[in-house]
Protein backbone atom coordinates (compact mmCIF):
# COMPACT_ATOMS: atom_id res chain seq x y z
CA MET A 1 -74.77 70.80 146.56
CA GLY A 2 -77.41 73.02 144.98
CA LEU A 3 -78.27 76.59 145.86
CA GLN A 4 -80.65 77.45 148.69
CA LEU A 5 -82.26 80.50 150.26
CA LYS A 6 -80.10 82.64 152.48
CA SER A 7 -81.07 81.97 156.08
CA GLY A 8 -84.01 84.01 157.37
CA THR A 9 -84.87 85.59 154.02
CA ASP A 10 -87.96 83.58 153.00
CA PHE A 11 -91.10 85.64 152.45
CA ALA A 12 -92.81 84.38 155.60
CA SER A 13 -89.89 85.69 157.65
CA ALA A 14 -89.91 89.02 155.80
CA TYR A 15 -93.64 89.44 156.38
CA ALA A 16 -93.25 88.53 160.06
CA LEU A 17 -90.61 91.24 160.40
CA ALA A 18 -92.97 93.77 158.81
CA ARG A 19 -95.83 92.76 161.13
CA SER A 20 -93.53 93.02 164.13
CA ALA A 21 -92.38 96.49 163.12
CA ALA A 22 -95.89 97.79 162.30
CA PRO A 23 -98.64 95.52 163.69
CA GLU A 24 -101.16 98.30 163.12
CA ALA A 25 -100.67 98.06 159.34
CA PHE A 26 -100.45 94.32 158.67
CA ASP A 27 -102.86 91.50 159.42
CA ALA A 28 -101.92 87.84 159.20
CA GLN A 29 -103.26 87.62 155.66
CA SER A 30 -103.98 91.20 154.57
CA ILE A 31 -102.52 94.68 154.29
CA ARG A 32 -104.49 97.64 155.60
CA ASN A 33 -104.98 101.08 154.06
CA LEU A 34 -104.07 104.30 155.88
CA VAL A 35 -106.98 106.75 155.79
CA GLY A 36 -107.51 109.76 158.03
CA GLY A 37 -104.57 108.79 160.21
CA GLU A 38 -106.01 105.33 160.92
CA TRP A 39 -105.12 101.91 159.55
CA VAL A 40 -108.38 100.47 158.29
CA VAL A 41 -109.59 97.28 156.63
CA LEU A 42 -111.09 98.49 153.35
CA GLY A 43 -111.45 97.16 149.83
CA ASN A 44 -111.14 93.75 148.24
CA GLN A 45 -108.12 91.75 149.34
CA GLN A 46 -105.91 90.63 146.45
CA SER A 47 -103.17 88.03 146.23
CA HIS A 48 -99.89 88.77 144.49
CA GLN A 49 -97.36 86.60 142.69
CA THR A 50 -93.78 87.48 143.52
CA PRO A 51 -91.61 87.72 140.40
CA VAL A 52 -88.82 85.96 142.32
CA ASP A 53 -90.38 82.50 142.03
CA GLN A 54 -94.06 83.05 141.17
CA SER A 55 -95.20 81.97 144.65
CA GLU A 56 -98.34 83.61 146.00
CA ILE A 57 -97.82 86.29 148.66
CA VAL A 58 -100.09 88.75 150.44
CA GLY A 59 -101.37 91.42 148.08
CA PRO A 60 -103.03 94.82 148.51
CA SER A 61 -106.62 95.63 149.51
CA MET A 62 -108.09 97.41 146.48
CA LEU A 63 -110.38 100.34 147.23
CA SER A 64 -113.40 101.49 145.26
CA LEU A 65 -113.71 105.01 143.89
CA LYS A 66 -116.12 105.97 146.68
CA GLN A 67 -113.67 104.77 149.33
CA ALA A 68 -110.83 106.67 147.63
CA GLU A 69 -112.91 109.85 147.54
CA LEU A 70 -113.44 109.51 151.30
CA ALA A 71 -109.69 109.11 151.74
CA VAL A 72 -109.04 112.31 149.76
CA SER A 73 -111.59 114.15 151.88
CA GLN A 74 -109.87 113.00 155.07
CA ALA A 75 -106.46 113.98 153.65
CA SER A 76 -107.79 117.46 152.88
CA LYS A 77 -108.77 117.92 156.52
CA MET A 78 -105.31 116.83 157.63
CA ASP A 79 -103.77 119.22 155.10
CA ALA A 80 -105.63 122.21 156.56
CA GLU A 81 -104.13 121.41 159.97
CA TRP A 82 -100.64 120.51 158.75
CA SER A 83 -100.24 123.71 156.74
CA LYS A 84 -100.43 125.65 160.01
CA VAL A 85 -97.62 123.65 161.67
CA ASP A 86 -94.40 125.71 161.74
CA LEU A 87 -91.36 124.62 159.73
CA ASP A 88 -89.23 123.67 162.73
CA GLU A 89 -91.87 121.20 163.93
CA ARG A 90 -92.26 119.80 160.41
CA LYS A 91 -88.49 119.25 160.26
CA THR A 92 -88.54 117.49 163.64
CA ARG A 93 -91.23 115.06 162.57
CA VAL A 94 -89.73 114.36 159.16
CA LYS A 95 -86.35 113.71 160.78
CA LYS A 96 -88.03 111.25 163.15
CA ALA A 97 -89.55 109.45 160.15
CA VAL A 98 -86.14 109.30 158.47
CA ASP A 99 -84.60 107.84 161.62
CA LEU A 100 -87.32 105.18 161.77
CA LEU A 101 -86.75 104.31 158.10
CA ARG A 102 -83.06 103.87 158.81
CA GLU A 103 -83.80 101.59 161.78
CA ASN A 104 -86.00 99.39 159.59
CA ARG A 105 -83.94 99.64 156.42
CA ASP A 106 -83.08 95.94 156.12
CA THR A 107 -86.69 94.82 156.56
CA ILE A 108 -87.90 97.28 153.91
CA ALA A 109 -85.14 96.12 151.55
CA LEU A 110 -86.05 92.45 152.02
CA LEU A 111 -89.68 93.25 151.24
CA LEU A 112 -88.52 94.96 148.03
CA VAL A 113 -86.61 91.84 147.03
CA TRP A 114 -89.73 89.70 147.25
CA GLU A 115 -92.22 92.23 145.87
CA ILE A 116 -90.38 93.57 142.83
CA GLY A 117 -87.35 91.27 142.49
CA LYS A 118 -84.59 93.75 143.35
CA PRO A 119 -81.23 92.20 144.23
CA TRP A 120 -80.28 92.90 147.85
CA LYS A 121 -77.67 95.57 147.17
CA LEU A 122 -80.03 97.53 144.89
CA ALA A 123 -82.93 97.18 147.32
CA CYS A 124 -80.78 98.64 150.09
CA ALA A 125 -79.69 101.43 147.77
CA ASP A 126 -83.34 102.32 147.10
CA VAL A 127 -83.94 102.86 150.82
CA ASP A 128 -80.60 104.62 151.37
CA ARG A 129 -81.17 107.07 148.52
CA CYS A 130 -84.53 107.99 150.02
CA ILE A 131 -83.00 108.62 153.43
CA GLU A 132 -79.98 110.54 152.17
CA GLY A 133 -82.05 112.63 149.77
CA VAL A 134 -84.50 113.71 152.45
CA GLU A 135 -81.63 114.52 154.82
CA TRP A 136 -80.32 116.96 152.19
CA TYR A 137 -83.71 118.67 152.10
CA LEU A 138 -83.79 118.84 155.90
CA ASP A 139 -80.61 120.91 155.68
CA GLU A 140 -81.83 123.09 152.80
CA ILE A 141 -85.57 123.52 153.38
CA ASP A 142 -85.31 126.78 155.35
CA ARG A 143 -83.91 128.75 152.42
CA GLN A 144 -86.17 126.92 149.98
CA MET A 145 -89.31 127.99 151.83
CA VAL A 146 -88.41 131.68 151.96
CA GLY A 147 -91.32 133.58 150.40
CA ARG A 148 -93.30 130.38 149.87
CA THR A 149 -96.35 128.92 151.54
CA PRO A 150 -97.86 125.41 151.44
CA LEU A 151 -100.29 124.53 148.67
CA GLU A 152 -104.00 124.50 149.41
CA GLY A 153 -104.83 120.81 149.44
CA PRO A 154 -102.88 117.55 149.67
CA VAL A 155 -100.43 116.36 147.04
CA SER A 156 -101.56 113.18 145.25
CA ASN A 157 -98.64 110.87 144.42
CA ILE A 158 -98.91 108.15 141.77
CA ALA A 159 -95.63 106.41 140.93
CA SER A 160 -94.40 103.29 139.21
CA TRP A 161 -93.32 100.18 141.10
CA ASN A 162 -89.60 100.19 140.39
CA TYR A 163 -88.38 102.70 143.03
CA PRO A 164 -90.95 102.83 145.85
CA LEU A 165 -88.62 104.46 148.37
CA SER A 166 -86.18 106.65 146.46
CA VAL A 167 -88.93 108.07 144.25
CA LEU A 168 -92.30 107.85 146.00
CA VAL A 169 -91.51 108.03 149.74
CA HIS A 170 -88.71 110.52 149.08
CA ALA A 171 -91.11 112.83 147.23
CA GLU A 172 -93.74 112.56 149.96
CA LEU A 173 -91.32 113.44 152.76
CA VAL A 174 -90.16 116.53 150.88
CA GLN A 175 -93.78 117.56 150.25
CA LEU A 176 -94.48 117.12 153.96
CA LEU A 177 -91.49 119.32 154.79
CA ALA A 178 -93.00 121.99 152.56
CA GLY A 179 -96.23 121.92 154.60
CA ASN A 180 -98.49 119.71 152.49
CA SER A 181 -100.26 116.54 153.53
CA VAL A 182 -99.72 113.68 151.09
CA ILE A 183 -101.69 110.88 149.46
CA ALA A 184 -99.98 107.91 147.82
CA LYS A 185 -101.42 105.05 145.79
CA THR A 186 -99.51 101.80 145.90
CA PRO A 187 -98.44 100.55 142.45
CA THR A 188 -100.57 97.56 141.44
CA GLN A 189 -97.54 95.59 140.22
CA GLY A 190 -95.67 95.64 143.53
CA GLY A 191 -94.17 97.72 146.30
CA PHE A 192 -97.18 97.74 148.64
CA HIS A 193 -95.47 95.86 151.50
CA ALA A 194 -92.46 98.20 151.59
CA LEU A 195 -94.69 101.25 151.18
CA THR A 196 -97.06 100.10 153.91
CA LEU A 197 -94.23 99.66 156.40
CA SER A 198 -92.68 103.00 155.38
CA HIS A 199 -95.97 104.84 155.80
CA ALA A 200 -96.59 103.21 159.17
CA LEU A 201 -93.26 104.67 160.29
CA MET A 202 -94.12 108.06 158.79
CA ALA A 203 -97.49 108.08 160.56
CA ARG A 204 -95.79 107.06 163.81
CA ALA A 205 -93.62 110.17 163.45
CA GLY A 206 -96.76 112.29 163.40
CA LEU A 207 -96.92 112.99 159.67
CA PRO A 208 -100.28 113.42 157.82
CA VAL A 209 -99.93 110.62 155.27
CA THR A 210 -102.57 108.66 153.37
CA LEU A 211 -101.83 105.35 151.65
CA ILE A 212 -104.37 103.47 149.58
CA SER A 213 -104.42 100.71 146.97
CA GLY A 214 -106.60 100.31 143.93
CA SER A 215 -106.86 100.42 140.17
CA GLY A 216 -105.38 103.61 138.78
CA SER A 217 -108.05 104.01 136.13
CA GLU A 218 -110.85 103.46 138.63
CA LEU A 219 -109.44 105.83 141.27
CA ALA A 220 -108.37 108.58 138.83
CA PRO A 221 -111.38 110.84 139.53
CA ALA A 222 -110.31 110.94 143.18
CA LEU A 223 -106.53 110.97 142.82
CA VAL A 224 -106.12 113.02 139.64
CA THR A 225 -109.09 115.32 139.08
CA SER A 226 -110.49 115.96 142.57
CA PRO A 227 -110.81 119.72 143.20
CA SER A 228 -109.64 119.07 146.77
CA LEU A 229 -106.09 118.30 145.61
CA GLY A 230 -103.30 120.84 145.77
CA ALA A 231 -101.18 119.07 143.16
CA LEU A 232 -100.60 115.82 141.28
CA ALA A 233 -97.18 114.15 141.12
CA PHE A 234 -97.08 111.32 138.55
CA VAL A 235 -94.17 109.03 137.66
CA GLY A 236 -94.79 106.25 135.17
CA GLY A 237 -95.35 105.20 131.59
CA ARG A 238 -96.29 107.41 128.70
CA ASN A 239 -99.81 106.07 128.21
CA ASN A 240 -100.82 106.44 131.85
CA GLY A 241 -99.14 109.84 132.05
CA ARG A 242 -101.01 111.02 128.96
CA ALA A 243 -104.28 109.78 130.48
CA ALA A 244 -103.54 111.60 133.74
CA ALA A 245 -102.71 114.86 131.97
CA SER A 246 -105.75 114.70 129.70
CA SER A 247 -108.07 114.06 132.62
CA LEU A 248 -106.97 117.14 134.56
CA ALA A 249 -109.81 119.62 134.72
CA SER A 250 -107.32 122.33 133.80
CA LEU A 251 -103.62 122.27 132.95
CA SER A 252 -103.31 125.21 135.33
CA THR A 253 -103.70 122.64 138.10
CA ARG A 254 -100.27 122.10 139.60
CA HIS A 255 -98.86 118.83 138.28
CA ILE A 256 -95.59 116.99 137.75
CA LEU A 257 -95.44 114.32 135.05
CA GLU A 258 -92.28 112.22 134.78
CA GLN A 259 -92.59 109.67 132.00
CA GLU A 260 -90.58 107.10 130.09
CA GLY A 261 -88.10 107.92 127.36
CA LEU A 262 -85.81 105.98 125.02
CA ASN A 263 -82.27 106.90 126.11
CA SER A 264 -79.40 106.16 123.74
CA TRP A 265 -75.63 105.98 123.77
CA GLY A 266 -74.00 107.67 120.80
CA VAL A 267 -70.55 106.20 119.99
CA TRP A 268 -68.46 108.28 117.57
CA ASN A 269 -64.69 108.80 117.22
CA TYR A 270 -64.26 106.86 120.45
CA SER A 271 -61.57 104.56 121.82
CA ASN A 272 -61.86 104.32 125.64
CA TRP A 273 -63.65 100.98 125.58
CA ASP A 274 -62.79 99.93 129.13
CA GLU A 275 -64.47 103.04 130.54
CA LEU A 276 -67.56 102.52 128.40
CA ALA A 277 -67.73 98.86 129.46
CA GLY A 278 -68.02 99.98 133.09
CA HIS A 279 -70.90 102.33 132.24
CA LEU A 280 -72.73 99.66 130.25
CA THR A 281 -72.32 97.05 132.99
CA LYS A 282 -73.81 99.40 135.56
CA GLY A 283 -76.59 100.17 133.09
CA PHE A 284 -77.90 96.61 133.42
CA GLU A 285 -78.65 97.05 137.12
CA TYR A 286 -82.17 95.91 137.96
CA ALA A 287 -82.55 94.51 134.43
CA LYS A 288 -82.78 98.04 132.99
CA GLN A 289 -86.17 98.50 134.66
CA ARG A 290 -85.75 102.22 135.12
CA CYS A 291 -86.14 105.39 133.09
CA THR A 292 -82.40 106.12 133.29
CA ALA A 293 -81.46 102.91 131.48
CA TYR A 294 -79.88 103.11 128.01
CA PRO A 295 -81.26 100.29 125.83
CA ARG A 296 -80.13 101.68 122.46
CA TYR A 297 -76.66 102.26 121.02
CA VAL A 298 -76.07 104.41 117.95
CA VAL A 299 -72.60 103.37 116.80
CA GLN A 300 -70.29 104.73 114.10
CA ARG A 301 -70.19 101.96 111.50
CA GLU A 302 -66.40 101.70 111.30
CA LEU A 303 -66.20 101.36 115.12
CA PHE A 304 -68.67 98.51 115.26
CA PRO A 305 -66.05 95.69 115.53
CA GLU A 306 -64.41 97.30 118.57
CA PHE A 307 -67.80 98.14 120.09
CA LEU A 308 -69.05 94.59 119.56
CA GLU A 309 -66.01 93.04 121.25
CA MET A 310 -66.44 95.26 124.30
CA TYR A 311 -70.24 94.92 124.41
CA THR A 312 -70.41 91.12 124.16
CA SER A 313 -67.82 90.85 126.93
CA VAL A 314 -70.08 92.98 129.14
CA LEU A 315 -73.08 90.75 128.43
CA LYS A 316 -71.21 87.52 129.08
CA ASN A 317 -70.07 88.76 132.50
CA LEU A 318 -73.45 89.88 133.80
CA ARG A 319 -74.66 88.07 136.92
CA PHE A 320 -78.37 87.37 137.25
CA GLY A 321 -80.72 84.96 138.98
CA HIS A 322 -82.68 84.42 142.20
CA PRO A 323 -81.86 87.43 144.45
CA LEU A 324 -81.58 85.27 147.58
CA ALA A 325 -79.98 82.04 146.28
CA VAL A 326 -76.68 81.15 147.99
CA ALA A 327 -74.46 78.08 148.23
CA ASN A 328 -74.78 77.98 152.03
CA PRO A 329 -77.58 79.46 154.20
CA GLY A 330 -75.15 81.68 156.10
CA ASP A 331 -73.45 83.15 153.03
CA ASP A 332 -73.67 86.83 152.17
CA PHE A 333 -76.39 87.98 149.78
CA PRO A 334 -75.50 87.20 146.14
CA ASP A 335 -73.93 90.08 144.25
CA LEU A 336 -76.15 90.25 141.15
CA HIS A 337 -76.70 92.82 138.45
CA PHE A 338 -80.35 91.81 138.22
CA GLY A 339 -82.96 89.26 139.18
CA PRO A 340 -86.35 88.80 137.52
CA VAL A 341 -88.26 91.43 135.60
CA ILE A 342 -91.46 92.58 137.28
CA SER A 343 -93.65 89.69 136.09
CA ALA A 344 -93.80 86.57 133.95
CA LYS A 345 -96.02 88.54 131.58
CA LYS A 346 -93.32 91.16 131.13
CA ALA A 347 -90.67 88.51 130.46
CA SER A 348 -92.93 87.00 127.80
CA GLU A 349 -93.51 90.43 126.21
CA LEU A 350 -89.76 91.04 125.97
CA ASP A 351 -89.25 87.62 124.42
CA GLN A 352 -91.99 88.34 121.87
CA ALA A 353 -90.53 91.77 121.09
CA PHE A 354 -87.11 90.22 120.37
CA ASN A 355 -88.64 87.59 118.08
CA GLU A 356 -90.76 90.23 116.33
CA ALA A 357 -87.69 92.36 115.55
CA VAL A 358 -85.83 89.38 114.13
CA SER A 359 -88.81 88.21 112.08
CA ARG A 360 -89.00 91.66 110.50
CA GLY A 361 -85.37 91.75 109.45
CA GLY A 362 -83.41 92.69 112.55
CA VAL A 363 -80.20 90.78 113.25
CA PRO A 364 -80.18 88.68 116.47
CA LEU A 365 -76.85 90.01 117.70
CA TYR A 366 -76.98 88.35 121.14
CA LYS A 367 -79.37 85.97 122.86
CA GLY A 368 -78.41 84.97 126.38
CA SER A 369 -79.55 81.82 128.13
CA LEU A 370 -81.16 81.34 131.55
CA SER A 371 -78.75 78.43 132.03
CA THR A 372 -76.09 80.98 132.97
CA GLY A 373 -78.23 82.35 135.81
CA THR A 374 -78.19 81.22 139.44
CA PHE A 375 -81.45 79.59 140.52
CA LEU A 376 -82.83 77.22 143.11
CA GLU A 377 -83.44 73.67 141.94
CA GLY A 378 -86.92 73.37 140.43
CA GLN A 379 -87.58 77.10 140.77
CA ASP A 380 -90.15 78.79 138.53
CA VAL A 381 -88.10 81.10 136.30
CA SER A 382 -90.90 82.43 134.09
CA ALA A 383 -90.25 86.05 135.19
CA TYR A 384 -86.57 85.91 134.21
CA ILE A 385 -85.06 86.75 130.85
CA ALA A 386 -81.41 86.69 129.84
CA PRO A 387 -79.99 89.73 127.95
CA ARG A 388 -80.85 90.03 124.29
CA THR A 389 -79.76 92.43 121.57
CA VAL A 390 -81.04 93.25 118.08
CA LEU A 391 -78.79 94.84 115.46
CA GLU A 392 -80.49 97.28 113.07
CA PRO A 393 -84.03 96.79 114.37
CA PRO A 394 -86.70 97.42 111.75
CA LYS A 395 -88.45 100.77 111.92
CA SER A 396 -91.74 98.88 111.94
CA TRP A 397 -90.76 97.31 115.28
CA SER A 398 -93.59 97.84 117.79
CA ILE A 399 -91.16 99.20 120.40
CA HIS A 400 -88.79 101.01 118.03
CA HIS A 401 -89.58 104.32 119.76
CA SER A 402 -90.49 102.91 123.17
CA GLU A 403 -88.61 101.92 126.28
CA PRO A 404 -88.30 98.10 126.58
CA PHE A 405 -88.01 98.34 130.39
CA GLY A 406 -85.97 95.15 130.45
CA PRO A 407 -82.65 93.68 129.28
CA LEU A 408 -83.49 94.01 125.59
CA ASP A 409 -81.01 96.23 123.71
CA SER A 410 -80.82 97.43 120.14
CA VAL A 411 -77.88 98.68 118.10
CA VAL A 412 -78.16 101.10 115.17
CA LEU A 413 -75.19 101.80 112.92
CA ALA A 414 -74.54 105.37 111.75
CA ASP A 415 -72.46 106.78 108.89
CA THR A 416 -72.75 110.49 109.59
């Protein structure tokens, strides 16, 4: 018998759960924006292809610049009021929001599976890390606020799609604790369902939150350079981060820029291969679609045989495929290291990057096959890519100094 979806996990069921939990935020075929404390129908409704199987699901409603500017204006009014609320009341409301997130944790996680392809365990971890992190701040915020006052103006939050809860919502809840209203833009590549439900719960707890969707480049004058903002918090790629920084009216404007980097393992005079194998296996979680992934290995030349034996064993034992495919409908969620990458386009780019490196002289050290993955019969697998590795990639490689953001590794041998 072939694989099938785990019972009750199809997207229609996930969306019905979201609508039941927050009917004010979801329509039958559209997602609303949260502006001025009200869920409103604004912008042009978009469809979205889930990376899980390329089926079409409800997408965001994309706002225009003028609509975003109105949202910032409304957020500024809420900020003026929120900054006067005493810390104990802020803690009470944030704790209520955290409790609501915990109550709806499984629904949020299931939305993350469909939107951005996270395996179930990792989707749950994204929500749990958000909750646990904010709980730490609830315990510590009193001492942290000694001698400090809220910023003048809301904090604008722009973050990438890969960790909507543990990065974006977590940051917002801490900013709210500190006495600032918050604005968040949903990532255009995914995360808007989970973020919409989370913000509905935050608003229900009495928190001054704004959530809008739209093109980052179009909305930048409102979300990056508006003089009404108290600060900008940006998490994402280098190009977009550079554009955000360069568009600030002044670098004296409070801003946080967290951007990609090419992390590397250095292996020298080393022999504990079993321990390293555990680290490398964990590193493939979510197909290395995170800034803490390590896609490059700089290995002492004489240790390469031992490294290669350990490394290829890791690759051959990775589990990947459809995040919800099980042998029987009532089975537990599959325990996978990763599912799809964020889109079919991204999978194609990774494939092209591997071929480019090889064509320019790199050695194709490993090229996995989708046949080892777990998929539904007839499923569209265009957003999936098996692990690949290039030995001694050419320095002319287009991503030699960039983060692949996918299961594409490179190995460089070192003599000194």
